[in-house]
Amino acid sequence: MWPTILDTLGALAVLASVAAQIAFIRKTRQSASREARPQSARRKPFR
Protein backbone atom coordinates (compact mmCIF):
# COMPACT_ATOMS: atom_id res chain seq x y z
CA MET A 1 0.00 0.00 0.00
CA TRP A 2 2.72 2.51 0.98
CA PRO A 3 4.70 2.11 -2.27
CA THR A 4 1.57 3.01 -4.27
CA ILE A 5 0.91 6.07 -2.11
CA LEU A 6 4.53 7.20 -2.36
CA ASP A 7 4.56 6.68 -6.13
CA THR A 8 1.38 8.74 -6.45
CA LEU A 9 2.81 11.55 -4.31
CA GLY A 10 6.01 11.49 -6.38
CA ALA A 11 4.05 11.72 -9.61
CA LEU A 12 2.03 14.64 -8.25
CA ALA A 13 5.23 16.40 -7.21
CA VAL A 14 6.64 15.99 -10.72
CA LEU A 15 3.44 17.36 -12.27
CA ALA A 16 3.46 20.33 -9.91
CA SER A 17 7.09 21.03 -10.78
CA VAL A 18 6.40 20.92 -14.52
CA ALA A 19 3.37 23.18 -14.11
CA ALA A 20 5.44 25.69 -12.14
CA GLN A 21 8.16 25.68 -14.80
CA ILE A 22 5.61 26.23 -17.58
CA ALA A 23 4.04 29.11 -15.66
CA PHE A 24 7.47 30.68 -15.12
CA ILE A 25 8.41 30.31 -18.80
CA ARG A 26 5.12 31.88 -19.91
CA LYS A 27 5.59 34.76 -17.49
CA THR A 28 9.13 35.47 -18.67
CA ARG A 29 8.11 35.25 -22.33
CA GLN A 30 5.25 37.69 -21.79
CA SER A 31 7.48 40.25 -20.09
CA ALA A 32 10.11 39.87 -22.83
CA SER A 33 7.55 40.32 -25.61
CA ARG A 34 6.05 43.34 -23.86
CA GLU A 35 9.44 45.05 -23.74
CA ALA A 36 10.02 44.36 -27.44
CA ARG A 37 6.77 46.01 -28.59
CA PRO A 38 6.29 49.77 -28.68
CA GLN A 39 3.96 51.38 -26.16
CA SER A 40 1.20 51.94 -28.74
CA ALA A 41 1.08 48.23 -29.60
CA ARG A 42 0.47 47.15 -26.00
CA ARG A 43 -3.02 46.08 -25.02
CA LYS A 44 -4.87 48.16 -22.49
CA PRO A 45 -6.12 46.21 -19.47
CA PHE A 46 -9.80 45.35 -19.51
CA ARG A 47 -11.73 47.10 -16.76
PDB file of N, CA and C in Angstrom:
ATOM      1  N   MET A   1       0.819  -1.196   0.000  1.00  0.00           N
ATOM      2  CA  MET A   1       0.000   0.000   0.000  1.00  0.00           C
ATOM      3  C   MET A   1       0.866   1.266   0.000  1.00  0.00           C
ATOM      4  N   TRP A   2       1.882   1.308   0.893  1.00  0.00           N
ATOM      5  CA  TRP A   2       2.721   2.507   0.976  1.00  0.00           C
ATOM      6  C   TRP A   2       3.471   2.804  -0.318  1.00  0.00           C
ATOM      7  N   PRO A   3       4.004   1.786  -1.010  1.00  0.00           N
ATOM      8  CA  PRO A   3       4.695   2.114  -2.273  1.00  0.00           C
ATOM      9  C   PRO A   3       3.776   2.799  -3.284  1.00  0.00           C
ATOM     10  N   THR A   4       2.520   2.383  -3.342  1.00  0.00           N
ATOM     11  CA  THR A   4       1.569   3.007  -4.265  1.00  0.00           C
ATOM     12  C   THR A   4       1.317   4.460  -3.879  1.00  0.00           C
ATOM     13  N   ILE A   5       1.153   4.703  -2.575  1.00  0.00           N
ATOM     14  CA  ILE A   5       0.914   6.073  -2.105  1.00  0.00           C
ATOM     15  C   ILE A   5       2.127   6.948  -2.403  1.00  0.00           C
ATOM     16  N   LEU A   6       3.316   6.419  -2.125  1.00  0.00           N
ATOM     17  CA  LEU A   6       4.535   7.202  -2.364  1.00  0.00           C
ATOM     18  C   LEU A   6       4.749   7.457  -3.855  1.00  0.00           C
ATOM     19  N   ASP A   7       4.453   6.470  -4.681  1.00  0.00           N
ATOM     20  CA  ASP A   7       4.563   6.677  -6.133  1.00  0.00           C
ATOM     21  C   ASP A   7       3.595   7.750  -6.606  1.00  0.00           C
ATOM     22  N   THR A   8       2.380   7.730  -6.073  1.00  0.00           N
ATOM     23  CA  THR A   8       1.383   8.735  -6.447  1.00  0.00           C
ATOM     24  C   THR A   8       1.830  10.128  -6.021  1.00  0.00           C
ATOM     25  N   LEU A   9       2.326  10.249  -4.794  1.00  0.00           N
ATOM     26  CA  LEU A   9       2.813  11.547  -4.315  1.00  0.00           C
ATOM     27  C   LEU A   9       3.997  12.030  -5.150  1.00  0.00           C
ATOM     28  N   GLY A  10       4.871  11.118  -5.531  1.00  0.00           N
ATOM     29  CA  GLY A  10       6.010  11.488  -6.377  1.00  0.00           C
ATOM     30  C   GLY A  10       5.555  11.980  -7.740  1.00  0.00           C
ATOM     31  N   ALA A  11       4.570  11.302  -8.313  1.00  0.00           N
ATOM     32  CA  ALA A  11       4.053  11.725  -9.613  1.00  0.00           C
ATOM     33  C   ALA A  11       3.392  13.093  -9.517  1.00  0.00           C
ATOM     34  N   LEU A  12       2.655  13.333  -8.438  1.00  0.00           N
ATOM     35  CA  LEU A  12       2.027  14.642  -8.251  1.00  0.00           C
ATOM     36  C   LEU A  12       3.079  15.735  -8.077  1.00  0.00           C
ATOM     37  N   ALA A  13       4.160  15.423  -7.384  1.00  0.00           N
ATOM     38  CA  ALA A  13       5.233  16.405  -7.209  1.00  0.00           C
ATOM     39  C   ALA A  13       5.877  16.746  -8.550  1.00  0.00           C
ATOM     40  N   VAL A  14       6.068  15.747  -9.392  1.00  0.00           N
ATOM     41  CA  VAL A  14       6.642  15.990 -10.720  1.00  0.00           C
ATOM     42  C   VAL A  14       5.702  16.861 -11.549  1.00  0.00           C
ATOM     43  N   LEU A  15       4.408  16.558 -11.521  1.00  0.00           N
ATOM     44  CA  LEU A  15       3.441  17.356 -12.275  1.00  0.00           C
ATOM     45  C   LEU A  15       3.404  18.796 -11.782  1.00  0.00           C
ATOM     46  N   ALA A  16       3.461  18.980 -10.466  1.00  0.00           N
ATOM     47  CA  ALA A  16       3.460  20.334  -9.915  1.00  0.00           C
ATOM     48  C   ALA A  16       4.715  21.086 -10.336  1.00  0.00           C
ATOM     49  N   SER A  17       5.840  20.395 -10.368  1.00  0.00           N
ATOM     50  CA  SER A  17       7.094  21.028 -10.779  1.00  0.00           C
ATOM     51  C   SER A  17       7.034  21.453 -12.245  1.00  0.00           C
ATOM     52  N   VAL A  18       6.517  20.591 -13.092  1.00  0.00           N
ATOM     53  CA  VAL A  18       6.397  20.917 -14.516  1.00  0.00           C
ATOM     54  C   VAL A  18       5.436  22.088 -14.713  1.00  0.00           C
ATOM     55  N   ALA A  19       4.327  22.085 -13.991  1.00  0.00           N
ATOM     56  CA  ALA A  19       3.366  23.185 -14.108  1.00  0.00           C
ATOM     57  C   ALA A  19       3.989  24.505 -13.669  1.00  0.00           C
ATOM     58  N   ALA A  20       4.785  24.468 -12.610  1.00  0.00           N
ATOM     59  CA  ALA A  20       5.444  25.690 -12.141  1.00  0.00           C
ATOM     60  C   ALA A  20       6.455  26.187 -13.165  1.00  0.00           C
ATOM     61  N   GLN A  21       7.190  25.277 -13.780  1.00  0.00           N
ATOM     62  CA  GLN A  21       8.164  25.675 -14.802  1.00  0.00           C
ATOM     63  C   GLN A  21       7.465  26.285 -16.012  1.00  0.00           C
ATOM     64  N   ILE A  22       6.358  25.692 -16.436  1.00  0.00           N
ATOM     65  CA  ILE A  22       5.615  26.228 -17.583  1.00  0.00           C
ATOM     66  C   ILE A  22       5.084  27.621 -17.263  1.00  0.00           C
ATOM     67  N   ALA A  23       4.551  27.801 -16.061  1.00  0.00           N
ATOM     68  CA  ALA A  23       4.041  29.115 -15.664  1.00  0.00           C
ATOM     69  C   ALA A  23       5.159  30.145 -15.655  1.00  0.00           C
ATOM     70  N   PHE A  24       6.336  29.751 -15.164  1.00  0.00           N
ATOM     71  CA  PHE A  24       7.474  30.675 -15.119  1.00  0.00           C
ATOM     72  C   PHE A  24       7.929  31.043 -16.528  1.00  0.00           C
ATOM     73  N   ILE A  25       7.987  30.051 -17.414  1.00  0.00           N
ATOM     74  CA  ILE A  25       8.413  30.314 -18.796  1.00  0.00           C
ATOM     75  C   ILE A  25       7.419  31.245 -19.487  1.00  0.00           C
ATOM     76  N   ARG A  26       6.130  31.001 -19.301  1.00  0.00           N
ATOM     77  CA  ARG A  26       5.121  31.881 -19.912  1.00  0.00           C
ATOM     78  C   ARG A  26       5.235  33.300 -19.380  1.00  0.00           C
ATOM     79  N   LYS A  27       5.472  33.429 -18.093  1.00  0.00           N
ATOM     80  CA  LYS A  27       5.586  34.758 -17.486  1.00  0.00           C
ATOM     81  C   LYS A  27       6.801  35.494 -18.046  1.00  0.00           C
ATOM     82  N   THR A  28       7.930  34.803 -18.162  1.00  0.00           N
ATOM     83  CA  THR A  28       9.130  35.471 -18.669  1.00  0.00           C
ATOM     84  C   THR A  28       8.986  35.797 -20.152  1.00  0.00           C
ATOM     85  N   ARG A  29       8.313  34.947 -20.907  1.00  0.00           N
ATOM     86  CA  ARG A  29       8.112  35.247 -22.335  1.00  0.00           C
ATOM     87  C   ARG A  29       7.198  36.446 -22.521  1.00  0.00           C
ATOM     88  N   GLN A  30       6.162  36.555 -21.691  1.00  0.00           N
ATOM     89  CA  GLN A  30       5.248  37.693 -21.795  1.00  0.00           C
ATOM     90  C   GLN A  30       5.970  38.990 -21.485  1.00  0.00           C
ATOM     91  N   SER A  31       6.783  39.012 -20.445  1.00  0.00           N
ATOM     92  CA  SER A  31       7.476  40.247 -20.091  1.00  0.00           C
ATOM     93  C   SER A  31       8.496  40.605 -21.165  1.00  0.00           C
ATOM     94  N   ALA A  32       9.140  39.600 -21.774  1.00  0.00           N
ATOM     95  CA  ALA A  32      10.110  39.874 -22.833  1.00  0.00           C
ATOM     96  C   ALA A  32       9.412  40.410 -24.078  1.00  0.00           C
ATOM     97  N   SER A  33       8.250  39.852 -24.416  1.00  0.00           N
ATOM     98  CA  SER A  33       7.551  40.323 -25.613  1.00  0.00           C
ATOM     99  C   SER A  33       6.953  41.706 -25.383  1.00  0.00           C
ATOM    100  N   ARG A  34       6.572  42.007 -24.146  1.00  0.00           N
ATOM    101  CA  ARG A  34       6.047  43.343 -23.859  1.00  0.00           C
ATOM    102  C   ARG A  34       7.127  44.403 -24.033  1.00  0.00           C
ATOM    103  N   GLU A  35       8.347  44.084 -23.622  1.00  0.00           N
ATOM    104  CA  GLU A  35       9.435  45.052 -23.744  1.00  0.00           C
ATOM    105  C   GLU A  35       9.813  45.274 -25.205  1.00  0.00           C
ATOM    106  N   ALA A  36       9.613  44.257 -26.044  1.00  0.00           N
ATOM    107  CA  ALA A  36      10.016  44.360 -27.443  1.00  0.00           C
ATOM    108  C   ALA A  36       9.044  45.207 -28.258  1.00  0.00           C
ATOM    109  N   ARG A  37       7.765  45.258 -27.829  1.00  0.00           N
ATOM    110  CA  ARG A  37       6.766  46.013 -28.589  1.00  0.00           C
ATOM    111  C   ARG A  37       6.736  47.473 -28.152  1.00  0.00           C
ATOM    112  N   PRO A  38       6.427  48.354 -29.070  1.00  0.00           N
ATOM    113  CA  PRO A  38       6.295  49.766 -28.676  1.00  0.00           C
ATOM    114  C   PRO A  38       5.075  49.978 -27.785  1.00  0.00           C
ATOM    115  N   GLN A  39       5.035  51.087 -27.106  1.00  0.00           N
ATOM    116  CA  GLN A  39       3.957  51.380 -26.156  1.00  0.00           C
ATOM    117  C   GLN A  39       2.589  51.353 -26.835  1.00  0.00           C
ATOM    118  N   SER A  40       2.491  51.870 -28.060  1.00  0.00           N
ATOM    119  CA  SER A  40       1.197  51.942 -28.743  1.00  0.00           C
ATOM    120  C   SER A  40       0.652  50.561 -29.097  1.00  0.00           C
ATOM    121  N   ALA A  41       1.522  49.562 -29.217  1.00  0.00           N
ATOM    122  CA  ALA A  41       1.078  48.226 -29.597  1.00  0.00           C
ATOM    123  C   ALA A  41       0.634  47.403 -28.391  1.00  0.00           C
ATOM    124  N   ARG A  42       0.857  47.897 -27.198  1.00  0.00           N
ATOM    125  CA  ARG A  42       0.469  47.150 -26.002  1.00  0.00           C
ATOM    126  C   ARG A  42      -1.038  47.220 -25.798  1.00  0.00           C
ATOM    127  N   ARG A  43      -1.584  46.125 -25.299  1.00  0.00           N
ATOM    128  CA  ARG A  43      -3.019  46.085 -25.023  1.00  0.00           C
ATOM    129  C   ARG A  43      -3.307  46.829 -23.729  1.00  0.00           C
ATOM    130  N   LYS A  44      -4.446  47.494 -23.715  1.00  0.00           N
ATOM    131  CA  LYS A  44      -4.872  48.155 -22.489  1.00  0.00           C
ATOM    132  C   LYS A  44      -5.603  47.130 -21.625  1.00  0.00           C
ATOM    133  N   PRO A  45      -5.434  47.191 -20.318  1.00  0.00           N
ATOM    134  CA  PRO A  45      -6.123  46.210 -19.467  1.00  0.00           C
ATOM    135  C   PRO A  45      -7.636  46.401 -19.517  1.00  0.00           C
ATOM    136  N   PHE A  46      -8.343  45.294 -19.472  1.00  0.00           N
ATOM    137  CA  PHE A  46      -9.798  45.346 -19.507  1.00  0.00           C
ATOM    138  C   PHE A  46     -10.315  45.703 -18.123  1.00  0.00           C
ATOM    139  N   ARG A  47     -11.174  46.697 -18.051  1.00  0.00           N
ATOM    140  CA  ARG A  47     -11.727  47.104 -16.755  1.00  0.00           C
ATOM    141  C   ARG A  47     -13.232  47.110 -16.810  1.00  0.00           C
TER     142      ARG A  47
END
